[in-house]
């Protein structure tokens, strides 16, 4: 009988399962080398005894904290909600906790957040849609020695893992659909030009125009921040300049919501006067008064698989970096 006030140890689990403490350690730390039957018996014994690993002691022994740092622009934004859930689920499944730092889309706050997390002795760093993705900034990250993964951004040519949606194909698909269904006068309320996804999607837009024997009019591209208010301001300017009909291809769903609100407030109709598209397929886009045609990013999968990449790198620091690009889907609704 184990006293109820005493902490359960590896030896207690080993005694209950009828195996060595080394076998228990291997199974509970995912090291392998133990038969499935014995592994099952060990896990059942650990569950029966309510064994809780002493992570502090473990971290002192192996210099691991089982903690990952996550830096993101704003976890309250809908576009990040499913990414965050994917991150949390994958981390929990691997026995890791998460420290989240919000940057409010501010590049200096992002830099300070990264520095702060690195001082916390985290095992790995997750950057969700980071602003600092220049080769110099990424090489600086690579040099800090902490395993790092980029979400919703890419890091070609560097020893940093990354995972994103296929921005080129997403941009191509939305414009290809619009051109095939009759749009010609297409205006782009795009993401900021410095944004990596914007640059890649613009290449997809241009390729779709070329494949239809057309040229994208660069003077019909307006860059704006990814917020409802920015979409509204940009749409107001277009209408003030005399635009009365056409297609508005937006860099994200929030920009599209702002544009649609202005279009309708000023007496125009969606989709009769203006066809409008977004990008992301955040929650509620199917429940707008005019449901939004958009590109659906696999946000949960980006977060979940990104953490799996990071844990692989933590366990095998010599592994060659992987840069994954996940398929996105065109979702057609009433706004077009």
C-alpha atoms as a PDB file:
ATOM      1  CA  UNK A   1       0.000   0.000   0.000  1.00  0.00           C
ATOM      2  CA  UNK A   2       1.414   3.381  -1.034  1.00  0.00           C
ATOM      3  CA  UNK A   3       0.825   6.206   1.514  1.00  0.00           C
ATOM      4  CA  UNK A   4      -1.695   8.680   0.090  1.00  0.00           C
ATOM      5  CA  UNK A   5       0.455  11.685   0.991  1.00  0.00           C
ATOM      6  CA  UNK A   6       3.528  10.454  -0.901  1.00  0.00           C
ATOM      7  CA  UNK A   7       4.339  11.374  -4.500  1.00  0.00           C
ATOM      8  CA  UNK A   8       4.061   8.416  -6.875  1.00  0.00           C
ATOM      9  CA  UNK A   9       7.451   7.590  -8.424  1.00  0.00           C
ATOM     10  CA  UNK A  10       8.693   5.671 -11.458  1.00  0.00           C
ATOM     11  CA  UNK A  11       9.633   2.832  -9.112  1.00  0.00           C
ATOM     12  CA  UNK A  12       6.024   2.628  -7.863  1.00  0.00           C
ATOM     13  CA  UNK A  13       4.756   2.338 -11.444  1.00  0.00           C
ATOM     14  CA  UNK A  14       7.454  -0.242 -12.220  1.00  0.00           C
ATOM     15  CA  UNK A  15       6.467  -2.327  -9.178  1.00  0.00           C
ATOM     16  CA  UNK A  16       2.776  -2.159 -10.142  1.00  0.00           C
ATOM     17  CA  UNK A  17       3.497  -3.171 -13.754  1.00  0.00           C
ATOM     18  CA  UNK A  18       6.083  -5.796 -12.850  1.00  0.00           C
ATOM     19  CA  UNK A  19       8.853  -4.229 -14.915  1.00  0.00           C
ATOM     20  CA  UNK A  20      12.028  -2.214 -14.379  1.00  0.00           C
ATOM     21  CA  UNK A  21      12.047   1.523 -13.714  1.00  0.00           C
ATOM     22  CA  UNK A  22      14.089   1.911 -16.919  1.00  0.00           C
ATOM     23  CA  UNK A  23      11.277   0.310 -18.938  1.00  0.00           C
ATOM     24  CA  UNK A  24       8.756   2.677 -17.350  1.00  0.00           C
ATOM     25  CA  UNK A  25      10.966   5.662 -18.167  1.00  0.00           C
ATOM     26  CA  UNK A  26      11.311   4.594 -21.807  1.00  0.00           C
ATOM     27  CA  UNK A  27       7.564   4.129 -22.314  1.00  0.00           C
ATOM     28  CA  UNK A  28       6.439   7.320 -20.550  1.00  0.00           C
ATOM     29  CA  UNK A  29       9.057   9.381 -22.384  1.00  0.00           C
ATOM     30  CA  UNK A  30       8.215   7.883 -25.787  1.00  0.00           C
ATOM     31  CA  UNK A  31      11.662   6.375 -26.311  1.00  0.00           C
ATOM     32  CA  UNK A  32      10.520   3.044 -27.767  1.00  0.00           C
ATOM     33  CA  UNK A  33      12.226  -0.326 -27.485  1.00  0.00           C
ATOM     34  CA  UNK A  34       9.488  -1.835 -25.304  1.00  0.00           C
ATOM     35  CA  UNK A  35       6.909  -4.327 -26.592  1.00  0.00           C
ATOM     36  CA  UNK A  36       3.321  -3.108 -27.176  1.00  0.00           C
ATOM     37  CA  UNK A  37       1.977  -5.442 -24.478  1.00  0.00           C
ATOM     38  CA  UNK A  38       4.442  -4.230 -21.855  1.00  0.00           C
ATOM     39  CA  UNK A  39       3.925  -0.599 -22.892  1.00  0.00           C
ATOM     40  CA  UNK A  40       0.188  -1.003 -22.418  1.00  0.00           C
ATOM     41  CA  UNK A  41       0.686  -2.546 -18.973  1.00  0.00           C
ATOM     42  CA  UNK A  42       2.974   0.312 -17.930  1.00  0.00           C
ATOM     43  CA  UNK A  43       0.531   2.993 -19.087  1.00  0.00           C
ATOM     44  CA  UNK A  44      -2.331   1.278 -17.288  1.00  0.00           C
ATOM     45  CA  UNK A  45      -0.267   1.118 -14.094  1.00  0.00           C
ATOM     46  CA  UNK A  46       0.647   4.807 -14.389  1.00  0.00           C
ATOM     47  CA  UNK A  47      -3.008   5.710 -14.877  1.00  0.00           C
ATOM     48  CA  UNK A  48      -4.135   3.523 -11.975  1.00  0.00           C
ATOM     49  CA  UNK A  49      -1.626   5.146  -9.608  1.00  0.00           C
ATOM     50  CA  UNK A  50      -2.287   8.637 -11.045  1.00  0.00           C
ATOM     51  CA  UNK A  51       1.410   9.026 -11.750  1.00  0.00           C
ATOM     52  CA  UNK A  52       2.456  12.633 -12.513  1.00  0.00           C
ATOM     53  CA  UNK A  53       5.970  13.153 -13.903  1.00  0.00           C
ATOM     54  CA  UNK A  54       8.230  15.533 -12.015  1.00  0.00           C
ATOM     55  CA  UNK A  55       8.902  17.929 -14.886  1.00  0.00           C
ATOM     56  CA  UNK A  56      11.069  20.225 -12.794  1.00  0.00           C
ATOM     57  CA  UNK A  57      13.410  17.407 -11.851  1.00  0.00           C
ATOM     58  CA  UNK A  58      13.397  16.147 -15.424  1.00  0.00           C
ATOM     59  CA  UNK A  59      14.277  19.564 -16.802  1.00  0.00           C
ATOM     60  CA  UNK A  60      17.229  19.803 -14.424  1.00  0.00           C
ATOM     61  CA  UNK A  61      18.486  16.420 -15.636  1.00  0.00           C
ATOM     62  CA  UNK A  62      18.010  16.771 -19.379  1.00  0.00           C
ATOM     63  CA  UNK A  63      17.743  20.552 -19.811  1.00  0.00           C
ATOM     64  CA  UNK A  64      14.197  20.296 -21.176  1.00  0.00           C
ATOM     65  CA  UNK A  65      11.167  22.164 -19.866  1.00  0.00           C
ATOM     66  CA  UNK A  66       8.428  20.580 -22.009  1.00  0.00           C
ATOM     67  CA  UNK A  67       7.370  24.150 -22.770  1.00  0.00           C
ATOM     68  CA  UNK A  68       6.946  25.756 -26.186  1.00  0.00           C
ATOM     69  CA  UNK A  69       6.739  29.482 -26.846  1.00  0.00           C
ATOM     70  CA  UNK A  70       4.141  30.832 -29.286  1.00  0.00           C
ATOM     71  CA  UNK A  71       4.349  34.339 -30.737  1.00  0.00           C
ATOM     72  CA  UNK A  72       1.303  35.533 -32.680  1.00  0.00           C
ATOM     73  CA  UNK A  73      -0.133  38.828 -33.867  1.00  0.00           C
ATOM     74  CA  UNK A  74      -3.389  38.702 -31.904  1.00  0.00           C
ATOM     75  CA  UNK A  75      -4.872  35.484 -30.516  1.00  0.00           C
ATOM     76  CA  UNK A  76      -8.300  37.156 -30.264  1.00  0.00           C
ATOM     77  CA  UNK A  77      -8.521  37.531 -34.059  1.00  0.00           C
ATOM     78  CA  UNK A  78     -10.724  34.929 -35.709  1.00  0.00           C
ATOM     79  CA  UNK A  79      -8.065  34.069 -38.274  1.00  0.00           C
ATOM     80  CA  UNK A  80      -5.760  32.916 -35.464  1.00  0.00           C
ATOM     81  CA  UNK A  81      -8.358  31.072 -33.355  1.00  0.00           C
ATOM     82  CA  UNK A  82      -8.166  27.731 -35.172  1.00  0.00           C
ATOM     83  CA  UNK A  83      -4.400  28.004 -35.570  1.00  0.00           C
ATOM     84  CA  UNK A  84      -4.133  28.399 -31.797  1.00  0.00           C
ATOM     85  CA  UNK A  85      -6.424  25.427 -31.188  1.00  0.00           C
ATOM     86  CA  UNK A  86      -4.317  23.281 -33.514  1.00  0.00           C
ATOM     87  CA  UNK A  87      -1.159  24.338 -31.675  1.00  0.00           C
ATOM     88  CA  UNK A  88      -2.653  23.610 -28.260  1.00  0.00           C
ATOM     89  CA  UNK A  89      -4.011  20.196 -29.250  1.00  0.00           C
ATOM     90  CA  UNK A  90      -0.725  19.016 -30.752  1.00  0.00           C
ATOM     91  CA  UNK A  91       1.302  20.346 -27.823  1.00  0.00           C
ATOM     92  CA  UNK A  92      -0.985  18.703 -25.259  1.00  0.00           C
ATOM     93  CA  UNK A  93      -0.833  15.385 -27.101  1.00  0.00           C
ATOM     94  CA  UNK A  94       2.961  15.516 -26.873  1.00  0.00           C
ATOM     95  CA  UNK A  95       2.987  16.525 -23.197  1.00  0.00           C
ATOM     96  CA  UNK A  96       4.066  20.122 -23.775  1.00  0.00           C
ATOM     97  CA  UNK A  97       2.625  23.334 -22.376  1.00  0.00           C
ATOM     98  CA  UNK A  98       2.413  26.605 -24.311  1.00  0.00           C
ATOM     99  CA  UNK A  99       3.394  30.158 -23.382  1.00  0.00           C
ATOM    100  CA  UNK A 100       1.560  32.608 -25.685  1.00  0.00           C
ATOM    101  CA  UNK A 101       2.818  36.117 -26.450  1.00  0.00           C
ATOM    102  CA  UNK A 102       0.628  38.540 -28.442  1.00  0.00           C
ATOM    103  CA  UNK A 103       2.323  41.264 -30.465  1.00  0.00           C
ATOM    104  CA  UNK A 104      -0.657  43.351 -31.680  1.00  0.00           C
ATOM    105  CA  UNK A 105       0.881  43.146 -35.173  1.00  0.00           C
ATOM    106  CA  UNK A 106       3.743  45.376 -33.979  1.00  0.00           C
ATOM    107  CA  UNK A 107       7.190  44.438 -35.264  1.00  0.00           C
ATOM    108  CA  UNK A 108       9.046  45.778 -32.205  1.00  0.00           C
ATOM    109  CA  UNK A 109       6.698  43.943 -29.827  1.00  0.00           C
ATOM    110  CA  UNK A 110       7.281  40.802 -31.854  1.00  0.00           C
ATOM    111  CA  UNK A 111      11.046  41.153 -31.508  1.00  0.00           C
ATOM    112  CA  UNK A 112      10.795  41.699 -27.742  1.00  0.00           C
ATOM    113  CA  UNK A 113       8.394  38.758 -27.346  1.00  0.00           C
ATOM    114  CA  UNK A 114      10.839  36.426 -29.089  1.00  0.00           C
ATOM    115  CA  UNK A 115      13.706  37.625 -26.895  1.00  0.00           C
ATOM    116  CA  UNK A 116      11.615  37.189 -23.729  1.00  0.00           C
ATOM    117  CA  UNK A 117      10.515  33.661 -24.611  1.00  0.00           C
ATOM    118  CA  UNK A 118      14.043  32.582 -25.474  1.00  0.00           C
ATOM    119  CA  UNK A 119      15.125  33.664 -21.990  1.00  0.00           C
ATOM    120  CA  UNK A 120      12.455  31.364 -20.504  1.00  0.00           C
ATOM    121  CA  UNK A 121      14.401  28.225 -21.516  1.00  0.00           C
ATOM    122  CA  UNK A 122      11.647  27.027 -23.822  1.00  0.00           C
ATOM    123  CA  UNK A 123      12.287  23.836 -25.776  1.00  0.00           C
ATOM    124  CA  UNK A 124      11.014  25.306 -29.049  1.00  0.00           C
ATOM    125  CA  UNK A 125       9.619  28.487 -30.593  1.00  0.00           C
ATOM    126  CA  UNK A 126       6.487  28.847 -32.754  1.00  0.00           C
ATOM    127  CA  UNK A 127       6.018  32.018 -34.802  1.00  0.00           C
ATOM    128  CA  UNK A 128       2.485  32.398 -36.188  1.00  0.00           C
ATOM    129  CA  UNK A 129       2.348  34.775 -39.178  1.00  0.00           C
ATOM    130  CA  UNK A 130       5.460  36.669 -38.056  1.00  0.00           C
ATOM    131  CA  UNK A 131       6.203  40.126 -39.416  1.00  0.00           C
ATOM    132  CA  UNK A 132      10.003  39.701 -39.329  1.00  0.00           C
ATOM    133  CA  UNK A 133      10.600  37.235 -42.165  1.00  0.00           C
ATOM    134  CA  UNK A 134      13.511  38.894 -43.949  1.00  0.00           C
ATOM    135  CA  UNK A 135      16.484  36.576 -44.624  1.00  0.00           C
ATOM    136  CA  UNK A 136      18.475  38.525 -42.021  1.00  0.00           C
ATOM    137  CA  UNK A 137      15.817  38.120 -39.318  1.00  0.00           C
ATOM    138  CA  UNK A 138      15.387  34.415 -40.042  1.00  0.00           C
ATOM    139  CA  UNK A 139      19.147  33.801 -39.993  1.00  0.00           C
ATOM    140  CA  UNK A 140      19.237  35.518 -36.600  1.00  0.00           C
ATOM    141  CA  UNK A 141      16.539  33.118 -35.385  1.00  0.00           C
ATOM    142  CA  UNK A 142      18.396  30.171 -36.864  1.00  0.00           C
ATOM    143  CA  UNK A 143      21.519  31.214 -34.978  1.00  0.00           C
ATOM    144  CA  UNK A 144      19.926  31.264 -31.529  1.00  0.00           C
ATOM    145  CA  UNK A 145      20.012  27.471 -31.328  1.00  0.00           C
ATOM    146  CA  UNK A 146      16.365  27.054 -30.293  1.00  0.00           C
ATOM    147  CA  UNK A 147      14.282  24.848 -32.624  1.00  0.00           C
ATOM    148  CA  UNK A 148      11.827  27.132 -34.440  1.00  0.00           C
ATOM    149  CA  UNK A 149       8.850  26.698 -36.757  1.00  0.00           C
ATOM    150  CA  UNK A 150       7.052  29.350 -38.813  1.00  0.00           C
ATOM    151  CA  UNK A 151       3.276  29.110 -39.244  1.00  0.00           C
ATOM    152  CA  UNK A 152       1.573  30.789 -42.232  1.00  0.00           C
ATOM    153  CA  UNK A 153       4.983  31.854 -43.555  1.00  0.00           C
ATOM    154  CA  UNK A 154       7.814  30.110 -45.411  1.00  0.00           C
ATOM    155  CA  UNK A 155      11.570  29.952 -44.883  1.00  0.00           C
ATOM    156  CA  UNK A 156      13.096  28.569 -48.107  1.00  0.00           C
ATOM    157  CA  UNK A 157      16.814  27.968 -48.078  1.00  0.00           C
ATOM    158  CA  UNK A 158      17.152  28.205 -44.299  1.00  0.00           C
ATOM    159  CA  UNK A 159      17.396  25.573 -41.581  1.00  0.00           C
ATOM    160  CA  UNK A 160      14.002  26.537 -40.113  1.00  0.00           C
ATOM    161  CA  UNK A 161      10.826  24.478 -40.457  1.00  0.00           C
ATOM    162  CA  UNK A 162       7.730  26.181 -41.852  1.00  0.00           C
ATOM    163  CA  UNK A 163       4.151  25.388 -42.782  1.00  0.00           C
ATOM    164  CA  UNK A 164       1.619  27.508 -44.650  1.00  0.00           C
ATOM    165  CA  UNK A 165      -1.254  27.265 -47.077  1.00  0.00           C
ATOM    166  CA  UNK A 166      -0.418  27.313 -50.790  1.00  0.00           C
ATOM    167  CA  UNK A 167      -0.762  31.074 -51.264  1.00  0.00           C
ATOM    168  CA  UNK A 168       0.157  30.975 -54.949  1.00  0.00           C
ATOM    169  CA  UNK A 169      -2.528  28.393 -55.725  1.00  0.00           C
ATOM    170  CA  UNK A 170      -5.084  30.128 -53.517  1.00  0.00           C
ATOM    171  CA  UNK A 171      -4.506  33.431 -55.304  1.00  0.00           C
ATOM    172  CA  UNK A 172      -4.618  31.717 -58.679  1.00  0.00           C
ATOM    173  CA  UNK A 173      -7.819  29.801 -57.917  1.00  0.00           C
ATOM    174  CA  UNK A 174      -9.839  32.812 -56.779  1.00  0.00           C
ATOM    175  CA  UNK A 175      -8.930  34.920 -59.839  1.00  0.00           C
ATOM    176  CA  UNK A 176      -9.287  32.005 -62.244  1.00  0.00           C
ATOM    177  CA  UNK A 177     -12.810  31.443 -60.896  1.00  0.00           C
ATOM    178  CA  UNK A 178     -13.709  35.131 -61.215  1.00  0.00           C
ATOM    179  CA  UNK A 179     -12.448  35.355 -64.795  1.00  0.00           C
ATOM    180  CA  UNK A 180     -14.165  32.121 -65.813  1.00  0.00           C
ATOM    181  CA  UNK A 181     -17.472  33.451 -64.445  1.00  0.00           C
ATOM    182  CA  UNK A 182     -17.382  36.772 -66.268  1.00  0.00           C
ATOM    183  CA  UNK A 183     -15.419  39.247 -64.130  1.00  0.00           C
ATOM    184  CA  UNK A 184     -13.069  41.555 -66.020  1.00  0.00           C
ATOM    185  CA  UNK A 185     -12.862  44.822 -64.053  1.00  0.00           C
ATOM    186  CA  UNK A 186     -11.212  43.359 -60.938  1.00  0.00           C
ATOM    187  CA  UNK A 187      -9.938  45.579 -58.122  1.00  0.00           C
ATOM    188  CA  UNK A 188      -7.673  44.136 -55.456  1.00  0.00           C
ATOM    189  CA  UNK A 189      -7.854  45.230 -51.820  1.00  0.00           C
ATOM    190  CA  UNK A 190      -4.699  43.317 -51.042  1.00  0.00           C
ATOM    191  CA  UNK A 191      -2.677  42.753 -47.889  1.00  0.00           C
ATOM    192  CA  UNK A 192       0.284  45.077 -47.193  1.00  0.00           C
ATOM    193  CA  UNK A 193       2.940  44.772 -49.884  1.00  0.00           C
ATOM    194  CA  UNK A 194       5.584  43.792 -47.315  1.00  0.00           C
ATOM    195  CA  UNK A 195       3.486  40.772 -46.326  1.00  0.00           C
ATOM    196  CA  UNK A 196       4.975  37.502 -47.583  1.00  0.00           C
ATOM    197  CA  UNK A 197       1.531  35.970 -48.374  1.00  0.00           C
ATOM    198  CA  UNK A 198       0.587  39.107 -50.347  1.00  0.00           C
ATOM    199  CA  UNK A 199       3.647  38.807 -52.569  1.00  0.00           C
ATOM    200  CA  UNK A 200       3.009  35.135 -53.297  1.00  0.00           C
ATOM    201  CA  UNK A 201      -0.739  35.556 -53.898  1.00  0.00           C
ATOM    202  CA  UNK A 202      -0.061  38.452 -56.262  1.00  0.00           C
ATOM    203  CA  UNK A 203       2.032  36.087 -58.367  1.00  0.00           C
ATOM    204  CA  UNK A 204      -0.924  33.696 -58.413  1.00  0.00           C
ATOM    205  CA  UNK A 205      -3.286  36.511 -59.448  1.00  0.00           C
ATOM    206  CA  UNK A 206      -1.002  37.556 -62.307  1.00  0.00           C
ATOM    207  CA  UNK A 207      -0.581  33.983 -63.531  1.00  0.00           C
ATOM    208  CA  UNK A 208      -4.352  33.513 -63.674  1.00  0.00           C
ATOM    209  CA  UNK A 209      -4.663  36.680 -65.772  1.00  0.00           C
ATOM    210  CA  UNK A 210      -1.924  35.466 -68.134  1.00  0.00           C
ATOM    211  CA  UNK A 211      -3.591  32.078 -68.520  1.00  0.00           C
ATOM    212  CA  UNK A 212      -6.737  33.907 -69.664  1.00  0.00           C
ATOM    213  CA  UNK A 213      -4.760  36.045 -72.118  1.00  0.00           C
ATOM    214  CA  UNK A 214      -5.120  39.140 -69.917  1.00  0.00           C
ATOM    215  CA  UNK A 215      -2.859  41.454 -67.939  1.00  0.00           C
ATOM    216  CA  UNK A 216      -3.526  42.443 -64.333  1.00  0.00           C
ATOM    217  CA  UNK A 217      -3.868  46.231 -64.090  1.00  0.00           C
ATOM    218  CA  UNK A 218      -1.372  47.185 -61.374  1.00  0.00           C
ATOM    219  CA  UNK A 219      -3.169  50.515 -60.813  1.00  0.00           C
ATOM    220  CA  UNK A 220      -6.159  48.496 -59.612  1.00  0.00           C
ATOM    221  CA  UNK A 221      -4.241  47.035 -56.665  1.00  0.00           C
ATOM    222  CA  UNK A 222      -4.716  48.770 -53.302  1.00  0.00           C
ATOM    223  CA  UNK A 223      -2.728  47.566 -50.288  1.00  0.00           C
ATOM    224  CA  UNK A 224      -4.345  47.794 -46.865  1.00  0.00           C
ATOM    225  CA  UNK A 225      -4.098  46.346 -43.365  1.00  0.00           C
ATOM    226  CA  UNK A 226      -6.058  43.126 -42.624  1.00  0.00           C
ATOM    227  CA  UNK A 227      -8.905  44.762 -40.711  1.00  0.00           C
ATOM    228  CA  UNK A 228     -12.579  45.575 -41.336  1.00  0.00           C
ATOM    229  CA  UNK A 229     -11.917  49.314 -40.936  1.00  0.00           C
ATOM    230  CA  UNK A 230      -9.133  49.231 -43.538  1.00  0.00           C
ATOM    231  CA  UNK A 231     -11.387  47.451 -46.022  1.00  0.00           C
ATOM    232  CA  UNK A 232     -14.114  50.025 -45.434  1.00  0.00           C
ATOM    233  CA  UNK A 233     -11.747  52.967 -45.942  1.00  0.00           C
ATOM    234  CA  UNK A 234     -10.307  51.529 -49.139  1.00  0.00           C
ATOM    235  CA  UNK A 235     -13.754  50.760 -50.558  1.00  0.00           C
ATOM    236  CA  UNK A 236     -14.982  54.249 -49.727  1.00  0.00           C
ATOM    237  CA  UNK A 237     -12.062  55.726 -51.675  1.00  0.00           C
ATOM    238  CA  UNK A 238     -12.849  53.578 -54.714  1.00  0.00           C
ATOM    239  CA  UNK A 239     -16.489  54.691 -54.672  1.00  0.00           C
ATOM    240  CA  UNK A 240     -15.479  58.322 -54.102  1.00  0.00           C
ATOM    241  CA  UNK A 241     -13.341  58.048 -57.250  1.00  0.00           C
ATOM    242  CA  UNK A 242     -16.380  57.073 -59.298  1.00  0.00           C
ATOM    243  CA  UNK A 243     -16.345  53.275 -59.263  1.00  0.00           C
ATOM    244  CA  UNK A 244     -19.921  52.026 -59.690  1.00  0.00           C
ATOM    245  CA  UNK A 245     -19.497  48.321 -60.435  1.00  0.00           C
ATOM    246  CA  UNK A 246     -16.899  45.585 -60.732  1.00  0.00           C
ATOM    247  CA  UNK A 247     -15.262  42.856 -58.690  1.00  0.00           C
ATOM    248  CA  UNK A 248     -13.465  43.412 -55.397  1.00  0.00           C
ATOM    249  CA  UNK A 249     -10.905  40.693 -54.618  1.00  0.00           C
ATOM    250  CA  UNK A 250      -9.826  41.090 -50.987  1.00  0.00           C
ATOM    251  CA  UNK A 251      -6.669  39.858 -49.305  1.00  0.00           C
ATOM    252  CA  UNK A 252      -8.567  38.560 -46.277  1.00  0.00           C
ATOM    253  CA  UNK A 253     -12.142  38.069 -45.090  1.00  0.00           C
ATOM    254  CA  UNK A 254     -12.053  41.033 -42.695  1.00  0.00           C
ATOM    255  CA  UNK A 255     -11.147  43.418 -45.530  1.00  0.00           C
ATOM    256  CA  UNK A 256     -14.035  41.931 -47.532  1.00  0.00           C
ATOM    257  CA  UNK A 257     -16.503  42.470 -44.669  1.00  0.00           C
ATOM    258  CA  UNK A 258     -15.525  46.146 -44.500  1.00  0.00           C
ATOM    259  CA  UNK A 259     -15.855  46.513 -48.274  1.00  0.00           C
ATOM    260  CA  UNK A 260     -19.296  44.861 -48.373  1.00  0.00           C
ATOM    261  CA  UNK A 261     -20.582  47.064 -45.547  1.00  0.00           C
ATOM    262  CA  UNK A 262     -19.579  50.214 -47.440  1.00  0.00           C
ATOM    263  CA  UNK A 263     -20.951  48.959 -50.771  1.00  0.00           C
ATOM    264  CA  UNK A 264     -24.363  48.284 -49.273  1.00  0.00           C
ATOM    265  CA  UNK A 265     -24.474  51.441 -47.134  1.00  0.00           C
ATOM    266  CA  UNK A 266     -23.861  53.528 -50.241  1.00  0.00           C
ATOM    267  CA  UNK A 267     -26.761  52.004 -52.108  1.00  0.00           C
ATOM    268  CA  UNK A 268     -25.060  49.355 -54.202  1.00  0.00           C
ATOM    269  CA  UNK A 269     -25.781  45.639 -54.278  1.00  0.00           C
ATOM    270  CA  UNK A 270     -23.619  42.560 -53.713  1.00  0.00           C
ATOM    271  CA  UNK A 271     -23.323  40.663 -56.024  1.00  0.00           C
ATOM    272  CA  UNK A 272     -25.410  42.578 -58.622  1.00  0.00           C
ATOM    273  CA  UNK A 273     -23.210  45.700 -58.708  1.00  0.00           C
ATOM    274  CA  UNK A 274     -20.083  44.381 -57.035  1.00  0.00           C
ATOM    275  CA  UNK A 275     -18.847  40.826 -56.688  1.00  0.00           C
ATOM    276  CA  UNK A 276     -16.689  40.455 -53.571  1.00  0.00           C
ATOM    277  CA  UNK A 277     -14.271  37.726 -52.473  1.00  0.00           C
ATOM    278  CA  UNK A 278     -12.179  37.174 -49.354  1.00  0.00           C
ATOM    279  CA  UNK A 279      -9.397  34.879 -48.185  1.00  0.00           C
ATOM    280  CA  UNK A 280      -9.189  32.694 -45.017  1.00  0.00           C
ATOM    281  CA  UNK A 281     -12.807  31.505 -44.508  1.00  0.00           C
ATOM    282  CA  UNK A 282     -12.901  32.559 -40.876  1.00  0.00           C
ATOM    283  CA  UNK A 283     -15.936  31.534 -38.833  1.00  0.00           C
ATOM    284  CA  UNK A 284     -19.212  33.355 -39.594  1.00  0.00           C
ATOM    285  CA  UNK A 285     -18.453  34.084 -43.273  1.00  0.00           C
ATOM    286  CA  UNK A 286     -21.221  31.655 -44.211  1.00  0.00           C
ATOM    287  CA  UNK A 287     -23.666  33.533 -41.950  1.00  0.00           C
ATOM    288  CA  UNK A 288     -23.281  37.071 -43.283  1.00  0.00           C
ATOM    289  CA  UNK A 289     -26.349  38.649 -44.887  1.00  0.00           C
ATOM    290  CA  UNK A 290     -24.458  38.076 -48.137  1.00  0.00           C
ATOM    291  CA  UNK A 291     -22.339  34.942 -47.498  1.00  0.00           C
ATOM    292  CA  UNK A 292     -18.771  35.450 -48.684  1.00  0.00           C
ATOM    293  CA  UNK A 293     -16.958  33.605 -51.464  1.00  0.00           C
ATOM    294  CA  UNK A 294     -13.455  32.979 -50.168  1.00  0.00           C
ATOM    295  CA  UNK A 295     -10.408  30.731 -50.001  1.00  0.00           C
ATOM    296  CA  UNK A 296     -10.420  28.399 -47.011  1.00  0.00           C
ATOM    297  CA  UNK A 297      -7.058  28.120 -45.297  1.00  0.00           C
ATOM    298  CA  UNK A 298      -6.456  24.869 -43.345  1.00  0.00           C
ATOM    299  CA  UNK A 299      -5.826  26.882 -40.185  1.00  0.00           C
ATOM    300  CA  UNK A 300      -6.200  24.113 -37.600  1.00  0.00           C
ATOM    301  CA  UNK A 301      -3.942  21.810 -39.612  1.00  0.00           C
ATOM    302  CA  UNK A 302      -1.302  24.536 -39.954  1.00  0.00           C
ATOM    303  CA  UNK A 303      -1.152  24.923 -36.172  1.00  0.00           C
ATOM    304  CA  UNK A 304      -1.332  21.210 -35.409  1.00  0.00           C
ATOM    305  CA  UNK A 305       1.147  19.978 -37.998  1.00  0.00           C
ATOM    306  CA  UNK A 306       3.445  22.908 -37.271  1.00  0.00           C
ATOM    307  CA  UNK A 307       3.858  21.773 -33.670  1.00  0.00           C
ATOM    308  CA  UNK A 308       4.499  18.224 -34.856  1.00  0.00           C
ATOM    309  CA  UNK A 309       7.294  19.570 -37.080  1.00  0.00           C
ATOM    310  CA  UNK A 310       8.752  21.447 -34.128  1.00  0.00           C
ATOM    311  CA  UNK A 311       8.697  18.435 -31.805  1.00  0.00           C
ATOM    312  CA  UNK A 312      10.357  16.329 -34.512  1.00  0.00           C
ATOM    313  CA  UNK A 313      13.126  18.927 -34.670  1.00  0.00           C
ATOM    314  CA  UNK A 314      13.482  19.042 -30.870  1.00  0.00           C
ATOM    315  CA  UNK A 315      13.894  15.273 -30.801  1.00  0.00           C
ATOM    316  CA  UNK A 316      16.173  15.216 -33.852  1.00  0.00           C
ATOM    317  CA  UNK A 317      18.062  18.530 -34.153  1.00  0.00           C
ATOM    318  CA  UNK A 318      20.054  17.248 -37.149  1.00  0.00           C
ATOM    319  CA  UNK A 319      16.970  16.642 -39.293  1.00  0.00           C
ATOM    320  CA  UNK A 320      16.881  18.663 -42.509  1.00  0.00           C
ATOM    321  CA  UNK A 321      14.352  21.511 -42.358  1.00  0.00           C
ATOM    322  CA  UNK A 322      10.954  20.863 -43.901  1.00  0.00           C
ATOM    323  CA  UNK A 323       8.855  23.549 -45.616  1.00  0.00           C
ATOM    324  CA  UNK A 324       5.269  22.355 -46.018  1.00  0.00           C
ATOM    325  CA  UNK A 325       2.570  23.954 -48.181  1.00  0.00           C
ATOM    326  CA  UNK A 326      -0.987  22.761 -47.520  1.00  0.00           C
ATOM    327  CA  UNK A 327      -3.799  22.819 -50.069  1.00  0.00           C
ATOM    328  CA  UNK A 328      -6.516  25.468 -49.700  1.00  0.00           C
ATOM    329  CA  UNK A 329     -10.080  25.294 -51.031  1.00  0.00           C
ATOM    330  CA  UNK A 330     -12.199  27.721 -53.043  1.00  0.00           C
ATOM    331  CA  UNK A 331     -15.527  28.218 -51.234  1.00  0.00           C
ATOM    332  CA  UNK A 332     -18.183  29.729 -53.526  1.00  0.00           C
ATOM    333  CA  UNK A 333     -21.050  31.632 -51.889  1.00  0.00           C
ATOM    334  CA  UNK A 334     -23.570  34.335 -52.766  1.00  0.00           C
ATOM    335  CA  UNK A 335     -21.185  37.314 -52.777  1.00  0.00           C
ATOM    336  CA  UNK A 336     -20.131  36.371 -56.317  1.00  0.00           C
END
